[in-house]
Amino acid sequence: MVEPPQPPAPAKVYYDGCPGCAMDRKMETRKGVPYKELIFVGIISFASALPITSLFPFLYFMIRDLHVAQREEDIGFYAGFLGASYMIGRGIASVFWGIVADRIGRRPVMAFSVFSVIVFNTLFGLSVKYWMAIATRFLLGALNGFLAPVKAYSIEVCQPEQQALGISIVNTAWGMGVIIGPAIGGYLAQPVKQYPHLFHDNSVFGRFPYLLPCICISFFATLVFISCAWLPETLHKHKGLETAVEMVEGSTTQESTEPPKKSLLKNWPLMSSIITYSVFSLHDTAYVEIFSLWTVSSRKYGGLSFSSKDVGQVLTVAGVSLLVYQLLAYRWVNKILGPIHSTQVSSALSIPIIAAYPFMTHLSGIRLDMPLYIAAMLKSVFAITRVTGTSLLQNNAVPQEQRGAANGIATTTMSLAKAFAPAGAGIIFSWAQKRQHATFFPGDHMVFLVLNLTEVIGLVLTFKPFLAVPQQYK
């Protein structure tokens, strides 16, 4: 029996003056990768990420110069809370910025976020009191709400087969900023001490030894803020409708009778991926904090006695490897393994690398350099693979009009995890340095054991029945 022909799909309806409809028209006619939009995504993510960890190479020295720690062993405690202040601010405000991005658009929120970097990152460099450093970092985190809209934006400018590249660009630029930021901090902090032939004690950089890296980052953010004037909007804004919709089909009557959208908190594919993402984020932030403190601490405490410049160099090399991997290899990895299996494999491979770190203190010279650089590069590659995979699952679990809020929830939970991570890592690091001769995992062995335990928890959460996946990945 011959089945009757199926009725043709209703014609797509576009609204004049709607930036989302204009973007959809452009995507229909465009065959290749949206390079222009993804370049904007990359530079905004890079500019917003730079100040987050630019302080890590000089965090140890800044706490010492602010005279808040009475003993060397207590520096990690105060450093942890300073590192956490940014994430606390971002965790409080991220849902708000996600909702704003769903209401008024992605571009205004991203532009304002870059502007907040210009102002508060500069003020942080002028800090002469511990409370001022905490306050400026907190406000920088609360007002820099770029992450929710930029992830939504990277999905909305791409065809479905290009979405992995879009999220990959966000995470690559973010990872580069998080890694190059410490390089900037390491090479430019304390310029009077590092470059006495160029800077003098009575100059502004003698009074504010950590201002130079902050000014450089703020200058770059200023250029990015100006470029936001050419950033196209993707949010649908249809006159006469209460909410924006991704694609309008049929009549206005049909649109008004659409069923209400599913509650985000009851969307388990979204929430399970957010929880997994947050655990990995906690681990990654604690890792960066501990890695920086461990490398600059004295060898008598199990560290490597590195200078801030040495730490910046290691993290810069890791950043270059990260860029090469994301641009040349990640799409191939995602195509073969998919976001779930690539996350599982990268998480499992991170465990032996972390376990090897405390043994490197017994090496020196070339015998230390090669293993340390290789381990740092591989750890960065595995971390970005996990973050990209879970971000893809989150953004494909919701429709466009909920994407900003969904990313806001993800950013809030991730930020709270990252707020706890530096403080917790600093406390554990200080405690571990006081037990150098303990029988059970002495000194820094205990620190890296705790890091590995969080990695194992994240790995377990990537399996069923906990992790539910969006329909297109089943």
Protein backbone atom coordinates (compact mmCIF):
# COMPACT_ATOMS: atom_id res chain seq x y z
CA MET A 1 0.00 0.00 0.00
CA VAL A 2 1.42 3.33 -1.06
CA GLU A 3 1.55 5.86 1.74
CA PRO A 4 0.13 9.30 0.99
CA PRO A 5 2.75 11.98 0.42
CA GLN A 6 3.74 13.96 3.47
CA PRO A 7 2.65 17.62 3.52
CA PRO A 8 5.48 20.07 2.86
CA ALA A 9 7.15 21.65 5.86
CA PRO A 10 5.75 25.08 6.67
CA ALA A 11 7.74 27.94 5.25
CA LYS A 12 10.08 29.69 7.62
CA VAL A 13 8.90 33.14 8.58
CA TYR A 14 11.40 35.90 9.29
CA TYR A 15 10.71 39.24 10.91
CA ASP A 16 12.17 42.45 9.55
CA GLY A 17 14.31 44.24 12.09
CA CYS A 18 14.94 41.09 14.15
CA PRO A 19 18.69 40.46 14.57
CA GLY A 20 18.10 36.75 15.21
CA CYS A 21 16.18 36.37 11.96
CA ALA A 22 18.93 38.25 10.12
CA MET A 23 21.48 35.83 11.52
CA ASP A 24 19.33 32.83 10.52
CA ARG A 25 19.08 34.16 6.95
CA LYS A 26 22.85 34.58 6.87
CA MET A 27 23.40 31.04 8.16
CA GLU A 28 21.11 29.59 5.45
CA THR A 29 23.18 31.10 2.67
CA ARG A 30 26.58 30.60 4.28
CA LYS A 31 28.34 27.34 3.52
CA GLY A 32 31.55 27.50 5.52
CA VAL A 33 32.69 28.31 9.04
CA PRO A 34 31.51 31.67 10.48
CA TYR A 35 35.02 33.00 10.94
CA LYS A 36 34.05 36.61 11.67
CA GLU A 37 31.65 35.74 14.50
CA LEU A 38 33.98 33.13 15.98
CA ILE A 39 36.88 35.61 15.97
CA PHE A 40 34.70 37.93 18.08
CA VAL A 41 33.88 35.00 20.37
CA GLY A 42 37.56 34.21 20.74
CA ILE A 43 38.85 37.69 21.52
CA ILE A 44 36.03 38.45 24.00
CA SER A 45 36.62 35.16 25.81
CA PHE A 46 40.37 35.77 25.81
CA ALA A 47 40.07 39.32 27.16
CA SER A 48 37.66 38.27 29.90
CA ALA A 49 39.79 35.31 30.97
CA LEU A 50 43.16 37.09 31.11
CA PRO A 51 42.70 38.75 34.53
CA ILE A 52 41.36 35.62 36.23
CA THR A 53 44.68 33.86 36.76
CA SER A 54 47.14 36.59 35.82
CA LEU A 55 47.75 37.01 39.56
CA PHE A 56 48.69 33.37 40.22
CA PRO A 57 52.44 33.67 39.49
CA PHE A 58 52.74 36.66 41.84
CA LEU A 59 49.97 35.71 44.27
CA TYR A 60 52.49 34.27 46.74
CA PHE A 61 54.61 37.43 46.61
CA MET A 62 51.62 39.80 46.71
CA ILE A 63 50.29 38.26 49.93
CA ARG A 64 53.75 38.55 51.42
CA ASP A 65 54.05 42.22 50.37
CA LEU A 66 50.61 43.07 51.79
CA HIS A 67 51.85 41.81 55.21
CA VAL A 68 48.71 39.83 56.11
CA ALA A 69 50.43 36.48 56.72
CA GLN A 70 52.45 36.18 59.91
CA ARG A 71 54.35 33.07 58.78
CA GLU A 72 55.40 31.69 55.39
CA GLU A 73 53.24 28.62 55.94
CA ASP A 74 50.13 30.85 56.23
CA ILE A 75 50.54 32.53 52.83
CA GLY A 76 48.58 29.80 51.07
CA PHE A 77 45.61 30.42 53.38
CA TYR A 78 45.29 34.11 52.46
CA ALA A 79 46.16 33.47 48.82
CA GLY A 80 43.28 31.01 48.57
CA PHE A 81 40.68 33.54 49.70
CA LEU A 82 42.01 36.20 47.36
CA GLY A 83 41.83 33.75 44.46
CA ALA A 84 38.30 32.74 45.48
CA SER A 85 36.89 36.30 45.62
CA TYR A 86 36.51 36.55 41.84
CA MET A 87 34.57 33.30 41.61
CA ILE A 88 32.30 34.22 44.52
CA GLY A 89 31.32 37.42 42.73
CA ARG A 90 30.73 35.62 39.45
CA GLY A 91 28.76 32.86 41.14
CA ILE A 92 26.37 35.37 42.73
CA ALA A 93 25.65 37.29 39.51
CA SER A 94 25.88 34.74 36.66
CA VAL A 95 22.20 33.71 36.58
CA PHE A 96 21.22 37.38 36.49
CA TRP A 97 23.49 38.04 33.50
CA GLY A 98 22.18 34.94 31.73
CA ILE A 99 18.57 36.14 32.13
CA VAL A 100 19.55 39.64 30.94
CA ALA A 101 21.20 38.10 27.87
CA ASP A 102 17.94 36.25 27.10
CA ARG A 103 15.94 39.47 27.47
CA ILE A 104 17.98 42.24 25.85
CA GLY A 105 20.59 40.34 23.83
CA ARG A 106 24.01 38.72 23.91
CA ARG A 107 26.02 41.72 22.64
CA PRO A 108 25.20 44.26 25.40
CA VAL A 109 26.11 41.83 28.17
CA MET A 110 29.37 40.81 26.52
CA ALA A 111 30.36 44.44 25.87
CA PHE A 112 29.62 45.47 29.47
CA SER A 113 31.61 42.51 30.76
CA VAL A 114 34.68 43.58 28.82
CA PHE A 115 34.25 47.14 30.14
CA SER A 116 34.23 45.81 33.72
CA VAL A 117 37.60 44.17 33.04
CA ILE A 118 39.05 47.53 32.02
CA VAL A 119 37.95 49.24 35.24
CA PHE A 120 38.32 46.69 38.01
CA ASN A 121 41.40 44.90 36.74
CA THR A 122 43.22 48.25 36.76
CA LEU A 123 41.98 48.99 40.28
CA PHE A 124 43.25 45.59 41.42
CA GLY A 125 46.73 46.55 40.25
CA LEU A 126 46.52 49.64 42.45
CA SER A 127 45.68 47.63 45.59
CA VAL A 128 47.86 48.39 48.59
CA LYS A 129 45.63 46.68 51.17
CA TYR A 130 44.38 43.11 51.34
CA TRP A 131 40.74 44.25 51.62
CA MET A 132 41.07 46.37 48.46
CA ALA A 133 42.47 43.44 46.50
CA ILE A 134 39.59 41.23 47.70
CA ALA A 135 36.95 43.90 46.88
CA THR A 136 38.18 44.66 43.36
CA ARG A 137 38.44 40.96 42.49
CA PHE A 138 34.93 40.35 43.84
CA LEU A 139 33.45 43.21 41.78
CA LEU A 140 35.33 42.08 38.69
CA GLY A 141 33.73 38.64 39.03
CA ALA A 142 30.24 39.99 39.74
CA LEU A 143 30.19 42.39 36.77
CA ASN A 144 31.99 40.19 34.24
CA GLY A 145 28.99 38.16 33.11
CA PHE A 146 30.30 37.24 29.67
CA LEU A 147 30.48 33.45 29.97
CA ALA A 148 26.75 32.66 29.77
CA PRO A 149 25.99 34.80 26.67
CA VAL A 150 29.22 33.98 24.85
CA LYS A 151 28.58 30.23 25.01
CA ALA A 152 25.02 30.74 23.77
CA TYR A 153 26.34 33.02 21.03
CA SER A 154 28.95 30.49 19.86
CA ILE A 155 26.19 27.90 19.38
CA GLU A 156 23.79 30.31 17.64
CA VAL A 157 26.20 31.46 14.93
CA CYS A 158 27.09 27.90 13.91
CA GLN A 159 25.37 25.16 11.95
CA PRO A 160 24.76 21.99 14.03
CA GLU A 161 27.84 20.27 12.60
CA GLN A 162 29.97 23.29 13.55
CA GLN A 163 28.78 23.69 17.14
CA ALA A 164 31.68 21.67 18.53
CA LEU A 165 34.01 24.17 16.88
CA GLY A 166 32.04 27.11 18.34
CA ILE A 167 32.25 25.84 21.91
CA SER A 168 35.83 24.79 21.28
CA ILE A 169 36.73 28.38 20.32
CA VAL A 170 35.24 29.66 23.60
CA ASN A 171 37.11 27.14 25.68
CA THR A 172 40.32 27.52 23.68
CA ALA A 173 40.32 31.31 24.09
CA TRP A 174 39.34 30.90 27.74
CA GLY A 175 42.08 28.35 28.30
CA MET A 176 44.61 30.53 26.49
CA GLY A 177 43.61 33.50 28.66
CA VAL A 178 43.83 31.44 31.82
CA ILE A 179 47.29 30.24 30.80
CA ILE A 180 48.73 33.35 29.11
CA GLY A 181 47.38 35.46 31.97
CA PRO A 182 49.87 33.89 34.38
CA ALA A 183 52.61 34.40 31.79
CA ILE A 184 51.80 38.13 31.68
CA GLY A 185 51.72 38.23 35.46
CA GLY A 186 54.95 36.29 35.76
CA TYR A 187 56.96 38.38 33.31
CA LEU A 188 55.56 41.84 34.19
CA ALA A 189 54.94 41.71 37.95
CA GLN A 190 57.50 43.43 40.16
CA PRO A 191 59.17 45.14 37.17
CA VAL A 192 61.52 47.15 39.40
CA LYS A 193 62.94 43.90 40.73
CA GLN A 194 62.94 42.01 37.44
CA TYR A 195 64.05 44.83 35.12
CA PRO A 196 65.95 47.37 37.26
CA HIS A 197 67.55 48.94 34.18
CA LEU A 198 64.10 49.94 32.88
CA PHE A 199 62.13 50.74 36.05
CA HIS A 200 63.15 52.68 39.16
CA ASP A 201 62.08 52.39 42.79
CA ASN A 202 60.49 55.85 42.83
CA SER A 203 58.35 55.20 39.74
CA VAL A 204 54.65 54.31 39.87
CA PHE A 205 55.59 50.67 39.30
CA GLY A 206 57.86 50.80 42.33
CA ARG A 207 54.93 51.83 44.52
CA PHE A 208 52.50 49.44 42.80
CA PRO A 209 54.61 46.41 41.83
CA TYR A 210 51.67 44.49 40.36
CA LEU A 211 50.15 47.30 38.29
CA LEU A 212 52.05 46.74 35.02
CA PRO A 213 50.47 43.35 34.11
CA CYS A 214 47.03 44.71 35.02
CA ILE A 215 47.49 47.78 32.79
CA CYS A 216 48.57 45.62 29.85
CA ILE A 217 45.49 43.40 30.21
CA SER A 218 43.19 46.41 30.59
CA PHE A 219 44.65 48.02 27.45
CA PHE A 220 43.90 44.90 25.42
CA ALA A 221 40.40 44.78 26.92
CA THR A 222 39.87 48.39 25.78
CA LEU A 223 40.59 47.41 22.17
CA VAL A 224 38.19 44.47 22.46
CA PHE A 225 35.50 46.72 23.96
CA ILE A 226 35.74 49.06 20.96
CA SER A 227 35.47 46.11 18.56
CA CYS A 228 32.14 45.08 20.15
CA ALA A 229 30.50 47.82 18.05
CA TRP A 230 30.81 45.44 15.05
CA LEU A 231 29.52 42.36 16.91
CA PRO A 232 26.26 41.05 15.32
CA GLU A 233 23.38 40.11 17.64
CA THR A 234 21.79 36.62 17.52
CA LEU A 235 18.82 36.88 19.89
CA HIS A 236 15.39 36.90 18.22
CA LYS A 237 13.35 40.04 18.95
CA HIS A 238 9.89 39.79 17.37
CA LYS A 239 7.47 42.67 17.75
CA GLY A 240 4.22 41.70 19.46
CA LEU A 241 5.63 38.59 21.15
CA GLU A 242 6.41 38.31 24.86
CA THR A 243 9.37 36.00 24.34
CA ALA A 244 11.93 35.52 21.60
CA VAL A 245 11.78 32.26 19.63
CA GLU A 246 14.48 30.69 17.56
CA MET A 247 12.46 30.01 14.39
CA VAL A 248 8.92 31.10 13.63
CA GLU A 249 6.79 28.65 11.65
CA GLY A 250 3.20 29.27 10.65
CA SER A 251 0.89 31.96 11.98
CA THR A 252 1.02 34.15 15.08
CA THR A 253 -1.89 32.16 16.52
CA GLN A 254 0.15 28.98 16.37
CA GLU A 255 3.03 30.68 18.14
CA SER A 256 0.85 31.88 20.99
CA THR A 257 -0.45 28.38 21.63
CA GLU A 258 2.98 26.76 21.98
CA PRO A 259 3.35 24.71 25.18
CA PRO A 260 5.28 26.39 28.01
CA LYS A 261 8.99 25.71 28.09
CA LYS A 262 10.31 23.01 30.41
CA SER A 263 11.69 24.22 33.74
CA LEU A 264 15.48 24.33 33.60
CA LEU A 265 15.82 22.88 37.08
CA LYS A 266 13.71 19.88 36.01
CA ASN A 267 15.72 19.35 32.82
CA TRP A 268 17.93 16.47 33.96
CA PRO A 269 20.11 16.30 30.80
CA LEU A 270 20.98 19.93 31.53
CA MET A 271 21.39 19.65 35.29
CA SER A 272 23.43 16.41 35.23
CA SER A 273 25.87 17.89 32.72
CA ILE A 274 26.11 21.09 34.81
CA ILE A 275 26.95 19.14 37.97
CA THR A 276 29.62 17.14 36.12
CA TYR A 277 30.98 20.33 34.57
CA SER A 278 31.17 21.98 37.99
CA VAL A 279 33.11 19.11 39.55
CA PHE A 280 35.67 19.26 36.75
CA SER A 281 35.83 23.05 37.11
CA LEU A 282 36.53 22.73 40.83
CA HIS A 283 39.32 20.31 40.04
CA ASP A 284 40.87 22.47 37.29
CA THR A 285 40.87 25.65 39.40
CA ALA A 286 42.36 23.86 42.40
CA TYR A 287 44.98 22.38 40.07
CA VAL A 288 46.05 25.80 38.73
CA GLU A 289 46.22 27.24 42.25
CA ILE A 290 48.20 24.30 43.63
CA PHE A 291 50.50 24.08 40.60
CA SER A 292 51.47 27.75 40.97
CA LEU A 293 52.00 27.53 44.74
CA TRP A 294 53.84 24.22 44.49
CA THR A 295 56.31 25.36 41.82
CA VAL A 296 57.32 28.57 43.64
CA SER A 297 57.51 27.06 47.14
CA SER A 298 60.85 26.03 48.58
CA ARG A 299 62.29 22.59 47.89
CA LYS A 300 62.50 21.99 51.62
CA TYR A 301 58.68 22.03 51.57
CA GLY A 302 58.48 19.74 48.52
CA GLY A 303 58.27 22.50 45.89
CA LEU A 304 60.50 23.40 42.94
CA SER A 305 61.77 26.86 44.06
CA PHE A 306 60.72 28.41 40.73
CA SER A 307 60.51 32.16 40.12
CA SER A 308 57.27 33.74 38.87
CA LYS A 309 58.91 34.00 35.43
CA ASP A 310 59.63 30.23 35.40
CA VAL A 311 55.99 29.46 36.24
CA GLY A 312 54.78 31.81 33.52
CA GLN A 313 57.05 30.10 30.99
CA VAL A 314 55.73 26.62 31.81
CA LEU A 315 52.11 27.77 31.56
CA THR A 316 52.79 29.62 28.30
CA VAL A 317 54.16 26.48 26.66
CA ALA A 318 51.09 24.61 27.91
CA GLY A 319 48.93 27.33 26.37
CA VAL A 320 50.56 26.99 22.96
CA SER A 321 49.98 23.23 22.98
CA LEU A 322 46.37 23.89 23.96
CA LEU A 323 45.86 26.21 20.99
CA VAL A 324 47.36 23.72 18.55
CA TYR A 325 45.20 20.91 19.92
CA GLN A 326 41.94 22.85 19.80
CA LEU A 327 42.49 24.18 16.29
CA LEU A 328 43.88 21.03 14.70
CA ALA A 329 42.82 17.98 16.71
CA TYR A 330 39.73 18.55 18.86
CA ARG A 331 37.14 18.44 16.06
CA TRP A 332 38.60 15.10 14.97
CA VAL A 333 38.51 13.79 18.56
CA ASN A 334 34.91 14.97 19.00
CA LYS A 335 33.84 13.43 15.68
CA ILE A 336 35.29 10.02 16.57
CA LEU A 337 34.57 9.80 20.29
CA GLY A 338 31.76 12.32 20.80
CA PRO A 339 31.53 14.70 23.77
CA ILE A 340 30.81 11.99 26.35
CA HIS A 341 33.54 9.46 25.56
CA SER A 342 36.16 12.16 24.94
CA THR A 343 35.36 13.56 28.40
CA GLN A 344 35.73 10.12 29.99
CA VAL A 345 39.02 9.30 28.27
CA SER A 346 40.62 12.68 29.06
CA SER A 347 39.53 12.44 32.70
CA ALA A 348 40.98 8.96 33.11
CA LEU A 349 44.31 9.97 31.54
CA SER A 350 44.65 12.99 33.84
CA ILE A 351 44.91 10.80 36.96
CA PRO A 352 48.42 9.33 36.41
CA ILE A 353 49.76 12.75 35.36
CA ILE A 354 48.65 14.38 38.61
CA ALA A 355 50.01 11.47 40.64
CA ALA A 356 53.47 12.01 39.09
CA TYR A 357 53.86 15.69 40.09
CA PRO A 358 55.13 15.32 43.71
CA PHE A 359 57.92 13.01 42.55
CA MET A 360 59.35 15.71 40.25
CA THR A 361 60.82 17.60 43.19
CA HIS A 362 63.60 14.99 43.22
CA LEU A 363 64.61 15.95 39.66
CA SER A 364 66.63 18.95 38.49
CA GLY A 365 67.87 20.57 35.29
CA ILE A 366 66.83 18.91 32.02
CA ARG A 367 65.56 15.87 33.92
CA LEU A 368 62.96 18.14 35.55
CA ASP A 369 62.15 20.43 32.64
CA MET A 370 61.03 17.80 30.13
CA PRO A 371 58.66 15.80 32.39
CA LEU A 372 57.20 19.00 33.88
CA TYR A 373 56.52 20.63 30.51
CA ILE A 374 55.04 17.45 29.03
CA ALA A 375 52.81 16.88 32.07
CA ALA A 376 51.59 20.51 32.05
CA MET A 377 50.80 20.35 28.32
CA LEU A 378 48.90 17.06 28.54
CA LYS A 379 46.97 18.18 31.62
CA SER A 380 45.84 21.35 29.81
CA VAL A 381 44.73 19.39 26.75
CA PHE A 382 42.74 16.89 28.83
CA ALA A 383 41.14 19.68 30.88
CA ILE A 384 39.89 21.59 27.83
CA THR A 385 38.52 18.37 26.30
CA ARG A 386 36.37 17.76 29.38
CA VAL A 387 35.12 21.33 29.57
CA THR A 388 34.22 21.46 25.87
CA GLY A 389 32.39 18.13 25.97
CA THR A 390 30.21 19.03 28.95
CA SER A 391 29.52 22.51 27.51
CA LEU A 392 28.21 20.95 24.30
CA LEU A 393 25.84 18.76 26.30
CA GLN A 394 24.51 21.77 28.25
CA ASN A 395 23.83 23.99 25.25
CA ASN A 396 22.06 21.28 23.28
CA ALA A 397 19.78 20.37 26.18
CA VAL A 398 17.73 23.63 25.92
CA PRO A 399 16.14 25.81 23.20
CA GLN A 400 17.64 29.19 22.27
CA GLU A 401 15.35 31.30 24.42
CA GLN A 402 16.53 29.41 27.53
CA ARG A 403 20.18 29.11 26.54
CA GLY A 404 21.41 32.26 28.28
CA ALA A 405 19.70 31.34 31.55
CA ALA A 406 20.93 27.73 31.27
CA ASN A 407 24.50 28.92 30.80
CA GLY A 408 23.94 31.33 33.68
CA ILE A 409 23.04 28.45 35.98
CA ALA A 410 26.07 26.51 34.74
CA THR A 411 28.33 29.52 35.30
CA THR A 412 26.93 30.05 38.81
CA THR A 413 27.50 26.47 39.94
CA MET A 414 30.87 26.38 38.23
CA SER A 415 31.87 29.69 39.81
CA LEU A 416 30.84 28.56 43.27
CA ALA A 417 32.93 25.43 42.75
CA LYS A 418 35.83 27.59 41.56
CA ALA A 419 35.34 29.92 44.52
CA PHE A 420 35.69 27.03 46.92
CA ALA A 421 38.62 25.52 45.00
CA PRO A 422 41.33 28.17 45.60
CA ALA A 423 40.38 28.62 49.25
CA GLY A 424 40.25 24.87 49.82
CA ALA A 425 43.43 24.30 47.82
CA GLY A 426 45.25 27.02 49.76
CA ILE A 427 44.18 25.57 53.12
CA ILE A 428 45.15 22.03 52.11
CA PHE A 429 48.45 23.25 50.68
CA SER A 430 49.35 25.10 53.90
CA TRP A 431 48.33 22.08 55.99
CA ALA A 432 50.35 19.69 53.81
CA GLN A 433 53.49 21.79 54.12
CA LYS A 434 53.39 21.26 57.88
CA ARG A 435 53.37 17.45 57.57
CA GLN A 436 56.51 16.83 55.51
CA HIS A 437 57.47 13.75 57.51
CA ALA A 438 54.05 12.11 57.89
CA THR A 439 53.76 8.40 57.14
CA PHE A 440 50.59 8.61 55.02
CA PHE A 441 51.11 10.71 51.86
CA PRO A 442 53.56 13.23 53.35
CA GLY A 443 53.69 16.85 52.26
CA ASP A 444 52.58 17.64 48.74
CA HIS A 445 51.73 14.00 48.05
CA MET A 446 48.55 14.60 50.06
CA VAL A 447 47.71 17.70 47.99
CA PHE A 448 47.90 15.82 44.70
CA LEU A 449 46.00 12.88 46.18
CA VAL A 450 43.07 15.20 46.97
CA LEU A 451 43.25 16.57 43.41
CA ASN A 452 43.04 13.05 42.02
CA LEU A 453 40.07 12.17 44.22
CA THR A 454 38.08 15.07 42.72
CA GLU A 455 39.09 13.88 39.24
CA VAL A 456 37.79 10.39 40.02
CA ILE A 457 34.47 11.80 41.26
CA GLY A 458 34.05 13.76 38.02
CA LEU A 459 34.87 10.67 35.97
CA VAL A 460 32.25 8.60 37.79
CA LEU A 461 29.60 11.26 37.09
CA THR A 462 30.10 10.92 33.32
CA PHE A 463 28.50 7.47 33.32
CA LYS A 464 24.90 6.33 33.52
CA PRO A 465 22.64 6.44 35.40
CA PHE A 466 23.78 9.87 36.59
CA LEU A 467 24.54 11.56 33.28
CA ALA A 468 21.56 11.98 30.96
CA VAL A 469 22.31 13.19 27.44
CA PRO A 470 20.30 15.34 24.99
CA GLN A 471 18.30 13.49 22.36
CA GLN A 472 20.71 14.16 19.49
CA TYR A 473 23.55 12.35 21.30
CA LYS A 474 21.59 9.16 22.00
